[in-house]
Protein backbone atom coordinates (compact mmCIF):
# COMPACT_ATOMS: atom_id res chain seq x y z
CA MET A 1 -4.80 -17.67 4.90
CA GLY A 2 -3.72 -21.01 6.31
CA GLY A 3 -0.51 -19.62 7.79
CA ILE A 4 0.95 -18.45 4.47
CA ASP A 5 2.20 -14.89 4.16
CA LYS A 6 -0.60 -13.09 2.30
CA GLY A 7 1.64 -11.62 -0.37
CA LEU A 8 2.79 -15.10 -1.33
CA ALA A 9 -0.72 -16.54 -1.65
CA ASP A 10 -1.60 -17.57 -5.19
CA PHE A 11 -3.97 -15.30 -7.12
CA LEU A 12 -4.76 -16.25 -10.71
CA GLY A 13 -1.59 -18.31 -11.03
CA LYS A 14 0.99 -16.12 -9.32
CA PRO A 15 1.62 -14.66 -5.87
CA MET A 16 -0.49 -11.62 -4.98
CA VAL A 17 2.65 -9.55 -4.47
CA VAL A 18 3.66 -10.16 -8.10
CA HIS A 19 0.34 -8.72 -9.28
CA VAL A 20 0.94 -5.65 -7.11
CA ILE A 21 4.50 -5.27 -8.42
CA ASP A 22 3.34 -5.63 -12.03
CA ARG A 23 0.68 -2.96 -11.56
CA LEU A 24 2.96 -0.54 -9.70
CA GLN A 25 6.09 -0.84 -11.84
CA PRO A 26 4.88 1.41 -14.69
CA GLN A 27 3.68 4.00 -12.16
CA VAL A 28 6.75 4.56 -9.97
CA ASN A 29 10.53 4.90 -10.15
CA GLU A 30 11.38 2.30 -7.51
CA ILE A 31 9.60 -0.40 -5.56
CA PHE A 32 10.47 -1.76 -2.15
CA ILE A 33 8.84 -4.74 -0.52
CA ASN A 34 8.29 -4.26 3.19
CA ALA A 35 8.40 -7.67 4.86
CA ASN A 36 9.32 -8.94 8.28
CA ARG A 37 9.18 -12.65 7.52
CA GLU A 38 9.79 -14.75 4.41
CA ILE A 39 12.54 -12.21 3.55
CA GLU A 40 14.48 -14.54 1.26
CA ARG A 41 11.34 -15.57 -0.59
CA TYR A 42 10.41 -11.92 -1.21
CA ARG A 43 13.94 -11.22 -2.45
CA THR A 44 13.37 -13.72 -5.26
CA PHE A 45 11.16 -11.11 -6.94
CA GLY A 46 14.27 -9.03 -7.67
CA LEU A 47 13.39 -6.01 -5.54
CA THR A 48 14.88 -4.54 -2.39
CA VAL A 49 13.20 -5.93 0.71
CA ILE A 50 13.06 -3.55 3.65
CA GLN A 51 12.13 -4.48 7.19
CA ASP A 52 10.46 -2.48 9.93
CA GLU A 53 12.86 -0.50 12.11
CA ILE A 54 10.23 0.34 14.71
CA ASN A 55 10.22 -2.05 17.68
CA GLY A 56 7.03 -3.93 18.38
CA PHE A 57 4.38 -4.48 15.76
CA ALA A 58 3.54 -1.01 14.48
CA GLY A 59 1.62 -2.26 11.46
CA PRO A 60 1.47 -0.38 8.16
CA LEU A 61 2.98 2.77 9.68
CA ALA A 62 6.21 0.88 10.38
CA GLY A 63 6.31 -0.13 6.72
CA LEU A 64 5.69 3.46 5.64
CA HIS A 65 8.47 4.57 7.99
CA ALA A 66 10.91 2.06 6.45
CA GLY A 67 9.83 3.09 2.94
CA ILE A 68 10.32 6.78 3.59
CA LYS A 69 13.78 6.13 4.99
CA ALA A 70 14.76 4.02 1.96
CA ALA A 71 13.19 6.19 -0.76
CA SER A 72 15.17 8.26 -3.18
CA SER A 73 12.01 10.00 -4.45
CA PRO A 74 10.21 12.89 -2.77
CA TYR A 75 7.05 10.79 -2.27
CA VAL A 76 6.27 7.23 -1.19
CA LEU A 77 3.25 5.43 -2.62
CA THR A 78 2.01 2.62 -0.39
CA ALA A 79 -0.11 -0.34 -1.41
CA PRO A 80 -0.68 -3.61 0.46
CA CYS A 81 0.33 -6.94 -1.04
CA ASP A 82 -3.19 -8.30 -0.58
CA SER A 83 -4.81 -6.02 -3.13
CA PRO A 84 -3.69 -7.58 -6.42
CA ILE A 85 -5.87 -5.52 -8.76
CA LEU A 86 -4.96 -2.02 -7.59
CA PRO A 87 -5.61 0.83 -10.07
CA LEU A 88 -3.17 1.27 -12.93
CA ASP A 89 -3.38 5.03 -12.38
CA LEU A 90 -3.10 5.03 -8.58
CA ALA A 91 0.08 7.13 -8.45
CA SER A 92 -0.96 9.73 -11.01
CA ARG A 93 -4.40 10.29 -9.51
CA MET A 94 -2.93 10.62 -6.03
CA MET A 95 -0.29 13.11 -7.19
CA LYS A 96 -2.84 15.16 -9.16
CA ALA A 97 -5.00 15.39 -6.03
CA ILE A 98 -2.06 16.53 -3.91
CA ILE A 99 -1.14 19.21 -6.43
CA ALA A 100 -4.73 20.42 -6.87
CA SER A 101 -5.46 20.55 -3.15
CA LYS A 102 -2.00 21.53 -1.89
CA ALA A 103 -2.33 18.69 0.64
CA SER A 104 0.62 16.73 1.98
CA ILE A 105 -0.87 13.24 1.85
CA ALA A 106 -3.33 11.58 -0.53
CA ILE A 107 -5.52 8.69 0.67
CA ALA A 108 -7.60 6.44 -1.59
CA LYS A 109 -11.34 6.28 -1.03
CA THR A 110 -14.27 4.35 -2.51
CA GLY A 111 -17.71 5.64 -1.61
CA SER A 112 -17.47 6.62 2.05
CA GLN A 113 -14.72 4.04 2.78
CA LEU A 114 -11.19 5.34 3.24
CA HIS A 115 -8.28 3.04 2.36
CA PRO A 116 -5.41 4.59 4.37
CA VAL A 117 -2.86 1.95 3.39
CA PHE A 118 -3.22 3.18 -0.20
CA SER A 119 -1.54 6.54 0.19
CA LEU A 120 0.95 8.94 -1.29
CA THR A 121 3.12 10.52 1.40
CA PRO A 122 6.02 12.99 1.16
CA VAL A 123 9.33 11.83 2.58
CA SER A 124 9.42 15.21 4.34
CA ALA A 125 6.77 13.79 6.72
CA LEU A 126 9.37 11.53 8.36
CA ALA A 127 9.82 13.65 11.51
CA SER A 128 6.07 13.84 12.08
CA LEU A 129 5.71 10.09 11.55
CA GLU A 130 8.57 9.28 13.93
CA LYS A 131 7.10 11.53 16.61
CA TYR A 132 3.73 9.82 16.26
CA LEU A 133 5.26 6.32 16.35
CA ASN A 134 7.56 7.14 19.28
CA GLY A 135 4.51 8.40 21.16
CA GLY A 136 2.87 4.99 20.74
CA GLY A 137 0.61 5.90 17.82
CA ARG A 138 -0.26 3.00 15.52
CA LYS A 139 -3.33 4.06 13.54
CA MET A 140 -2.38 5.01 10.00
CA GLU A 141 -5.50 7.07 9.36
CA ALA A 142 -5.14 8.99 12.64
CA TRP A 143 -1.58 10.01 11.76
CA GLN A 144 -2.53 10.89 8.18
CA LYS A 145 -5.40 13.06 9.40
CA SER A 146 -2.96 15.00 11.60
CA MET A 147 -1.45 16.34 8.39
CA PRO A 148 -3.09 18.17 5.49
CA CYS A 149 -4.53 15.33 3.46
CA VAL A 150 -6.83 14.81 0.52
CA GLU A 151 -9.15 11.90 -0.07
CA VAL A 152 -8.98 10.64 -3.65
CA ALA A 153 -12.12 9.00 -5.03
CA PHE A 154 -11.67 5.71 -6.84
CA ASP A 155 -15.36 4.88 -7.11
CA ASP A 156 -14.68 3.60 -10.63
CA SER A 157 -12.40 0.86 -9.18
CA PRO A 158 -14.05 -0.58 -6.05
CA LEU A 159 -12.56 -4.07 -6.48
CA ALA A 160 -9.07 -2.59 -6.58
CA PHE A 161 -9.17 -1.99 -2.85
CA SER A 162 -10.39 -5.44 -1.84
CA ASN A 163 -8.54 -6.56 1.25
CA ILE A 164 -7.89 -10.29 1.20
CA ASN A 165 -7.76 -11.91 4.64
CA THR A 166 -9.13 -15.41 4.01
CA THR A 167 -8.88 -18.04 1.29
CA GLY A 168 -12.61 -17.56 0.70
CA GLU A 169 -12.12 -13.85 0.01
CA LEU A 170 -9.23 -14.72 -2.29
CA LYS A 171 -11.33 -17.16 -4.34
CA GLU A 172 -14.21 -14.66 -4.49
CA LEU A 173 -11.91 -11.92 -5.81
CA GLU A 174 -10.47 -14.32 -8.39
CA THR A 175 -13.99 -15.00 -9.64
CA LEU A 176 -14.85 -11.30 -9.77
CA ALA A 177 -11.53 -10.37 -11.42
CA GLN A 178 -12.17 -12.85 -14.23
CA ALA A 179 -15.65 -11.52 -14.94
CA PRO A 180 -16.07 -9.68 -18.25
CA GLY A 181 -15.55 -5.92 -17.94
CA THR A 182 -13.36 -6.12 -14.82
């Protein structure tokens, strides 16, 4: 991404993180931004910015850990900043799946592809998560699968889970997002 923090990269005229915030705000009670650099820039979006507390780069699990510790709700919904067209019903579909299946964690899925960073996790899972992280675990999906989890199909929204890692992928998603019927 040319050295820019992905969440701050421009997508259709505004930073990707703003698209994510706009899509999540009607779905949840509170939003935190997990960032470990560009902290002041992320604060300009008017939300609480939380940083990883886990030493060393623990990836998305460290962000989940920070989110669980900061949350005032019984569940934490996670979504990466580089997926600017996430589903407008992500939270409700995840919660419905948890209730129907009596699982602890819901994970988004399109086709046979799991998207573990799009998840709904109970804050009561904190002890399990800390044990996994303290033991050196770093794979989000591996930890999630150690708990009762349900995979939630979003086959009707495959573009929503596009993971942007290059400027080429960003431009391609912009083109697809502007196509009629998207």
